[in-house]
């Protein structure tokens, strides 16, 4: 098995384990409670599923990025519902129950909406170079790797919460190991293409991250707790889903390198943002 194939398999296993962990960590009651905040919830869904992809699309048009790089960045930014969103919200003293509800809803809606958004935006960016992407090959691993394990985790947590609590700790440990292994393997297989990024990427990636953070904070109000919940669910993109799609459709190309680069930056940037928001904004309000 080649390194690229091993990386794709490991990423897919990581996605399944992450979503199972999310299901074990939340309850249906928490999800339903978040739905009571319908207006804020709707704004959180809009900024994640629509505005962030449009921001990225605008920057790619502005910088006239090469086609495969554009595709990779679009894959990275179109898919939301990252399992780390609620954890980051908790570190920043935000509204964790609301963050969990928003994240779970994004995880369920992403397979339905994001592939269509990706295909639409990609069509505009790659007119000069025909790049075909298998829609079924996008949707199938999302449903199998995201939707089903999430549902299984929720079911286990609802029927046997004691068992879910016992299983959660080892699952978290496995996910930490898988995350490290995925990063090492992707760098090992894509280190040559990672060298292609220049000044445009150095400007565009932070600009998109900043726009995502501002939009999430602005649309997450009123109340700092919910602003933080929406912002951290927005800045951190769903790297596991994005990497499954990129490694399955564009292995060994700049597209996978671009997906990995923005996913890594969004994770590191969100961690740094936590300390900034945690210190400068109070919890209440």
Protein backbone atom coordinates (compact mmCIF):
# COMPACT_ATOMS: atom_id res chain seq x y z
CA UNK A 1 0.00 0.00 0.00
CA UNK A 2 1.41 3.41 -1.01
CA UNK A 3 1.73 6.21 1.54
CA UNK A 4 -1.02 8.21 -0.19
CA UNK A 5 -3.44 5.26 0.05
CA UNK A 6 -2.50 4.69 3.68
CA UNK A 7 -3.07 8.38 4.42
CA UNK A 8 -6.52 8.28 2.80
CA UNK A 9 -7.50 5.18 4.79
CA UNK A 10 -6.21 6.63 8.05
CA UNK A 11 -8.03 9.93 7.47
CA UNK A 12 -11.27 8.05 6.88
CA UNK A 13 -10.83 6.01 10.07
CA UNK A 14 -10.08 9.24 11.95
CA UNK A 15 -13.29 10.79 10.63
CA UNK A 16 -15.37 7.81 11.78
CA UNK A 17 -13.81 7.83 15.26
CA UNK A 18 -14.20 11.60 15.63
CA UNK A 19 -17.88 11.57 14.76
CA UNK A 20 -18.49 8.59 17.04
CA UNK A 21 -16.80 10.57 19.82
CA UNK A 22 -19.09 13.54 19.16
CA UNK A 23 -22.17 11.32 19.37
CA UNK A 24 -20.97 9.85 22.67
CA UNK A 25 -20.34 13.36 24.05
CA UNK A 26 -23.76 14.95 23.47
CA UNK A 27 -27.37 14.20 24.27
CA UNK A 28 -30.51 14.72 22.26
CA UNK A 29 -31.68 17.08 25.05
CA UNK A 30 -28.67 19.35 24.47
CA UNK A 31 -29.34 19.43 20.75
CA UNK A 32 -33.01 20.25 21.25
CA UNK A 33 -32.14 22.97 23.77
CA UNK A 34 -29.93 24.71 21.22
CA UNK A 35 -32.81 24.69 18.73
CA UNK A 36 -34.75 27.03 21.04
CA UNK A 37 -32.32 29.77 20.07
CA UNK A 38 -33.64 29.62 16.51
CA UNK A 39 -32.46 33.02 15.27
CA UNK A 40 -28.86 32.69 16.48
CA UNK A 41 -28.79 29.08 15.35
CA UNK A 42 -29.94 30.01 11.87
CA UNK A 43 -27.28 32.73 11.61
CA UNK A 44 -24.66 30.21 12.72
CA UNK A 45 -25.75 27.81 10.00
CA UNK A 46 -25.75 30.54 7.33
CA UNK A 47 -22.29 31.85 8.17
CA UNK A 48 -20.82 28.32 8.15
CA UNK A 49 -22.56 26.81 5.16
CA UNK A 50 -22.78 29.89 2.92
CA UNK A 51 -20.79 32.97 3.96
CA UNK A 52 -17.40 31.37 4.65
CA UNK A 53 -17.37 29.50 1.29
CA UNK A 54 -18.35 32.76 -0.44
CA UNK A 55 -15.59 34.69 1.34
CA UNK A 56 -13.08 32.07 0.20
CA UNK A 57 -14.48 32.08 -3.32
CA UNK A 58 -14.06 35.87 -3.50
CA UNK A 59 -10.44 35.71 -2.35
CA UNK A 60 -9.62 32.95 -4.84
CA UNK A 61 -11.09 35.07 -7.63
CA UNK A 62 -9.16 38.10 -6.43
CA UNK A 63 -5.81 36.29 -6.31
CA UNK A 64 -6.46 34.25 -9.48
CA UNK A 65 -5.21 31.07 -7.84
CA UNK A 66 -4.24 28.04 -9.91
CA UNK A 67 -7.17 25.65 -10.50
CA UNK A 68 -6.12 22.71 -8.34
CA UNK A 69 -5.08 25.01 -5.50
CA UNK A 70 -8.47 26.70 -5.71
CA UNK A 71 -10.22 23.34 -5.52
CA UNK A 72 -8.18 22.33 -2.47
CA UNK A 73 -8.93 25.54 -0.61
CA UNK A 74 -12.63 25.30 -1.48
CA UNK A 75 -12.76 21.77 -0.10
CA UNK A 76 -11.14 22.96 3.12
CA UNK A 77 -13.55 25.85 3.66
CA UNK A 78 -16.85 24.39 2.43
CA UNK A 79 -17.16 21.68 5.06
CA UNK A 80 -18.03 22.68 8.62
CA UNK A 81 -19.23 20.97 11.80
CA UNK A 82 -15.78 20.23 13.23
CA UNK A 83 -15.90 18.17 16.45
CA UNK A 84 -13.37 20.51 18.07
CA UNK A 85 -15.71 23.55 17.92
CA UNK A 86 -17.46 22.96 21.27
CA UNK A 87 -14.18 22.10 23.01
CA UNK A 88 -12.61 25.36 21.81
CA UNK A 89 -15.75 27.22 22.92
CA UNK A 90 -15.35 25.72 26.39
CA UNK A 91 -11.70 26.78 26.60
CA UNK A 92 -12.80 30.33 25.70
CA UNK A 93 -15.58 30.30 28.36
CA UNK A 94 -18.37 30.38 25.81
CA UNK A 95 -21.80 28.74 25.63
CA UNK A 96 -20.81 25.07 25.29
CA UNK A 97 -24.32 23.52 25.09
CA UNK A 98 -25.22 25.89 22.26
CA UNK A 99 -21.87 25.17 20.54
CA UNK A 100 -22.59 21.44 20.75
CA UNK A 101 -26.05 21.84 19.25
CA UNK A 102 -24.76 24.01 16.41
CA UNK A 103 -21.91 21.60 15.69
CA UNK A 104 -24.20 18.56 15.56
CA UNK A 105 -26.67 20.33 13.25
CA UNK A 106 -23.78 21.35 10.99
CA UNK A 107 -22.55 17.76 10.97
CA UNK A 108 -25.97 16.57 9.80
CA UNK A 109 -26.50 19.39 7.25
CA UNK A 110 -23.01 19.42 5.74
CA UNK A 111 -23.51 16.18 3.74
CA UNK A 112 -26.69 17.66 2.26
CA UNK A 113 -25.57 21.20 1.43
CA UNK A 114 -21.78 21.52 1.24
CA UNK A 115 -21.14 19.16 -1.72
CA UNK A 116 -23.57 21.22 -3.83
CA UNK A 117 -21.92 24.49 -2.73
CA UNK A 118 -18.48 23.05 -3.53
CA UNK A 119 -19.54 21.88 -6.99
CA UNK A 120 -21.15 25.24 -7.80
CA UNK A 121 -18.20 27.39 -6.71
CA UNK A 122 -15.64 25.02 -8.21
CA UNK A 123 -17.40 25.26 -11.57
CA UNK A 124 -16.85 29.02 -11.66
CA UNK A 125 -13.19 28.80 -10.64
CA UNK A 126 -12.06 26.02 -13.00
CA UNK A 127 -13.69 27.03 -16.30
CA UNK A 128 -10.33 27.32 -18.05
CA UNK A 129 -9.20 23.90 -16.80
CA UNK A 130 -11.82 21.16 -16.78
CA UNK A 131 -11.62 19.42 -13.42
CA UNK A 132 -14.23 16.78 -12.74
CA UNK A 133 -15.16 15.70 -9.26
CA UNK A 134 -17.28 12.68 -8.48
CA UNK A 135 -20.30 13.96 -6.53
CA UNK A 136 -21.15 10.44 -5.33
CA UNK A 137 -17.56 9.98 -4.18
CA UNK A 138 -17.97 13.12 -2.04
CA UNK A 139 -21.36 12.34 -0.54
CA UNK A 140 -20.82 8.63 0.16
CA UNK A 141 -17.79 8.92 2.49
CA UNK A 142 -19.44 11.86 4.27
CA UNK A 143 -22.54 9.83 5.05
CA UNK A 144 -20.58 6.69 5.93
CA UNK A 145 -17.81 8.46 7.82
CA UNK A 146 -19.79 11.28 9.43
CA UNK A 147 -23.55 10.72 9.49
CA UNK A 148 -23.63 7.04 10.52
CA UNK A 149 -21.02 7.10 13.35
CA UNK A 150 -22.56 10.30 14.71
CA UNK A 151 -25.96 8.61 14.81
CA UNK A 152 -24.44 5.51 16.42
CA UNK A 153 -22.78 7.59 19.11
CA UNK A 154 -26.00 9.48 19.86
CA UNK A 155 -27.89 6.18 20.07
CA UNK A 156 -25.38 4.63 22.49
CA UNK A 157 -25.42 7.77 24.64
CA UNK A 158 -29.23 7.83 24.72
CA UNK A 159 -29.76 4.13 25.46
CA UNK A 160 -26.75 3.40 27.70
CA UNK A 161 -25.19 6.65 29.00
CA UNK A 162 -23.05 4.71 31.48
CA UNK A 163 -21.49 2.68 28.68
CA UNK A 164 -20.97 5.84 26.62
CA UNK A 165 -19.06 7.43 29.49
CA UNK A 166 -16.74 4.43 29.79
CA UNK A 167 -16.06 4.24 26.05
CA UNK A 168 -15.52 8.00 25.59
CA UNK A 169 -12.06 8.23 27.22
CA UNK A 170 -10.37 5.52 25.11
CA UNK A 171 -12.05 6.86 21.95
CA UNK A 172 -10.61 10.32 22.68
CA UNK A 173 -7.16 8.79 23.15
CA UNK A 174 -7.42 6.93 19.85
CA UNK A 175 -8.47 10.13 18.08
CA UNK A 176 -5.46 12.04 19.40
CA UNK A 177 -3.15 9.33 18.06
CA UNK A 178 -4.96 9.27 14.70
CA UNK A 179 -4.76 13.06 14.38
CA UNK A 180 -0.99 12.98 14.92
CA UNK A 181 -0.57 10.07 12.49
CA UNK A 182 -2.65 11.84 9.82
CA UNK A 183 -0.57 15.03 10.09
CA UNK A 184 2.69 13.06 9.79
CA UNK A 185 1.46 11.03 6.81
CA UNK A 186 0.04 14.01 4.90
CA UNK A 187 3.27 15.97 5.37
CA UNK A 188 5.28 12.91 4.33
CA UNK A 189 3.25 12.45 1.13
CA UNK A 190 2.71 16.12 0.24
CA UNK A 191 5.89 17.85 1.44
CA UNK A 192 6.93 18.68 -2.13
CA UNK A 193 3.62 20.31 -3.04
CA UNK A 194 3.51 22.22 0.27
CA UNK A 195 6.47 24.24 -1.04
CA UNK A 196 4.34 25.83 -3.77
CA UNK A 197 2.58 28.32 -1.53
CA UNK A 198 3.73 31.91 -1.95
CA UNK A 199 2.81 35.43 -0.95
CA UNK A 200 -0.80 35.14 -2.17
CA UNK A 201 -1.47 32.22 0.16
CA UNK A 202 0.34 34.00 2.99
CA UNK A 203 -2.11 36.90 2.62
CA UNK A 204 -5.26 35.05 1.58
CA UNK A 205 -5.31 32.33 4.26
CA UNK A 206 -5.11 34.74 7.26
CA UNK A 207 -7.56 37.10 5.53
CA UNK A 208 -10.15 34.33 5.16
CA UNK A 209 -9.60 33.21 8.74
CA UNK A 210 -10.06 36.77 10.02
CA UNK A 211 -13.23 37.25 7.94
CA UNK A 212 -14.62 33.97 9.31
CA UNK A 213 -13.90 35.00 12.90
CA UNK A 214 -15.46 38.46 12.48
CA UNK A 215 -18.56 37.10 10.75
CA UNK A 216 -19.02 34.39 13.39
CA UNK A 217 -18.69 36.88 16.25
CA UNK A 218 -20.96 39.45 14.64
CA UNK A 219 -23.75 37.01 13.73
CA UNK A 220 -23.51 35.07 17.00
CA UNK A 221 -25.01 37.79 19.19
CA UNK A 222 -26.52 38.90 21.40
CA UNK A 223 -24.50 37.56 24.31
CA UNK A 224 -20.78 36.86 24.37
CA UNK A 225 -21.29 33.18 25.19
CA UNK A 226 -23.15 32.49 21.97
CA UNK A 227 -20.88 34.80 19.96
CA UNK A 228 -17.94 32.63 21.01
CA UNK A 229 -19.86 29.44 20.21
CA UNK A 230 -20.68 30.59 16.67
CA UNK A 231 -17.22 32.08 16.08
CA UNK A 232 -15.29 28.96 17.09
CA UNK A 233 -17.61 26.68 15.13
CA UNK A 234 -16.93 28.96 12.15
CA UNK A 235 -13.16 29.44 12.28
CA UNK A 236 -12.38 25.75 12.74
CA UNK A 237 -13.34 23.85 9.60
CA UNK A 238 -14.03 20.12 9.41
CA UNK A 239 -10.52 18.96 8.51
CA UNK A 240 -11.31 15.25 8.71
CA UNK A 241 -14.14 15.47 6.16
CA UNK A 242 -12.18 17.84 3.90
CA UNK A 243 -9.10 15.61 3.89
CA UNK A 244 -11.17 12.51 3.13
CA UNK A 245 -12.60 14.25 0.06
CA UNK A 246 -9.29 15.76 -1.09
CA UNK A 247 -7.25 12.59 -0.59
CA UNK A 248 -9.91 10.49 -2.31
CA UNK A 249 -10.39 12.76 -5.34
CA UNK A 250 -7.02 14.53 -5.73
CA UNK A 251 -4.22 12.42 -4.19
CA UNK A 252 -0.70 13.65 -4.83
CA UNK A 253 -1.85 17.03 -6.20
CA UNK A 254 -1.70 20.65 -4.99
CA UNK A 255 -5.40 20.31 -4.08
CA UNK A 256 -4.64 17.99 -1.16
CA UNK A 257 -1.76 20.21 -0.05
CA UNK A 258 -4.05 23.27 -0.10
CA UNK A 259 -6.74 21.46 1.90
CA UNK A 260 -4.19 20.41 4.50
CA UNK A 261 -2.61 23.89 4.65
CA UNK A 262 -5.86 25.74 5.38
CA UNK A 263 -7.10 23.04 7.77
CA UNK A 264 -3.87 23.29 9.74
CA UNK A 265 -3.92 27.09 9.76
CA UNK A 266 -7.56 27.22 10.89
CA UNK A 267 -6.79 24.88 13.79
CA UNK A 268 -3.69 26.77 14.94
CA UNK A 269 -5.36 30.15 14.38
CA UNK A 270 -8.39 29.11 16.42
CA UNK A 271 -6.20 28.03 19.33
CA UNK A 272 -4.48 31.44 19.32
CA UNK A 273 -7.85 33.17 19.02
CA UNK A 274 -9.05 31.37 22.16
CA UNK A 275 -6.43 33.10 24.31
CA UNK A 276 -7.22 36.48 22.80
CA UNK A 277 -10.99 36.20 23.33
CA UNK A 278 -10.71 34.49 26.70
CA UNK A 279 -8.64 37.33 28.13
CA UNK A 280 -10.31 40.33 26.53
CA UNK A 281 -14.00 39.35 26.79
CA UNK A 282 -15.93 38.46 29.91
CA UNK A 283 -18.09 35.37 30.07
CA UNK A 284 -21.45 36.91 30.73
CA UNK A 285 -23.60 39.15 28.64
